[in-house]
Amino acid sequence: MRREVAELRRANEILKAASVYFAKELDRPRTK
């Protein structure tokens, strides 16, 4: 069970980082 918690925590950190990255990308005006 401890391993599952570690995996979930890692996935949560990855999702958090991804959401922050995508938020920055969406905030940036498109230059295309």
C-alpha atoms as a PDB file:
ATOM      1  CA  MET A   1       0.000   0.000   0.000  1.00  0.00           C
ATOM      2  CA  ARG A   2       2.877   2.349   0.785  1.00  0.00           C
ATOM      3  CA  ARG A   3       4.160   1.879  -2.757  1.00  0.00           C
ATOM      4  CA  GLU A   4       0.769   2.832  -4.193  1.00  0.00           C
ATOM      5  CA  VAL A   5       0.741   6.005  -2.128  1.00  0.00           C
ATOM      6  CA  ALA A   6       4.198   6.896  -3.423  1.00  0.00           C
ATOM      7  CA  GLU A   7       3.068   6.299  -7.011  1.00  0.00           C
ATOM      8  CA  LEU A   8      -0.028   8.448  -6.534  1.00  0.00           C
ATOM      9  CA  ARG A   9       2.035  11.197  -4.958  1.00  0.00           C
ATOM     10  CA  ARG A  10       4.486  11.128  -7.874  1.00  0.00           C
ATOM     11  CA  ALA A  11       1.652  11.200 -10.417  1.00  0.00           C
ATOM     12  CA  ASN A  12       0.070  14.100  -8.532  1.00  0.00           C
ATOM     13  CA  GLU A  13       3.326  16.080  -8.686  1.00  0.00           C
ATOM     14  CA  ILE A  14       3.617  15.395 -12.424  1.00  0.00           C
ATOM     15  CA  LEU A  15       0.021  16.497 -13.015  1.00  0.00           C
ATOM     16  CA  LYS A  16       0.603  19.633 -10.958  1.00  0.00           C
ATOM     17  CA  ALA A  17       3.717  20.522 -12.955  1.00  0.00           C
ATOM     18  CA  ALA A  18       1.922  19.798 -16.226  1.00  0.00           C
ATOM     19  CA  SER A  19      -1.061  21.973 -15.304  1.00  0.00           C
ATOM     20  CA  VAL A  20       1.257  24.851 -14.378  1.00  0.00           C
ATOM     21  CA  TYR A  21       3.134  24.435 -17.676  1.00  0.00           C
ATOM     22  CA  PHE A  22      -0.073  24.345 -19.723  1.00  0.00           C
ATOM     23  CA  ALA A  23      -1.447  27.362 -17.857  1.00  0.00           C
ATOM     24  CA  LYS A  24       1.669  29.339 -18.796  1.00  0.00           C
ATOM     25  CA  GLU A  25       1.399  28.176 -22.404  1.00  0.00           C
ATOM     26  CA  LEU A  26      -2.258  29.219 -22.590  1.00  0.00           C
ATOM     27  CA  ASP A  27      -1.539  32.594 -20.996  1.00  0.00           C
ATOM     28  CA  ARG A  28       1.187  33.316 -23.539  1.00  0.00           C
ATOM     29  CA  PRO A  29      -0.179  35.084 -26.651  1.00  0.00           C
ATOM     30  CA  ARG A  30       0.109  33.030 -29.819  1.00  0.00           C
ATOM     31  CA  THR A  31       2.730  34.213 -32.293  1.00  0.00           C
ATOM     32  CA  LYS A  32       1.627  31.995 -35.188  1.00  0.00           C
END
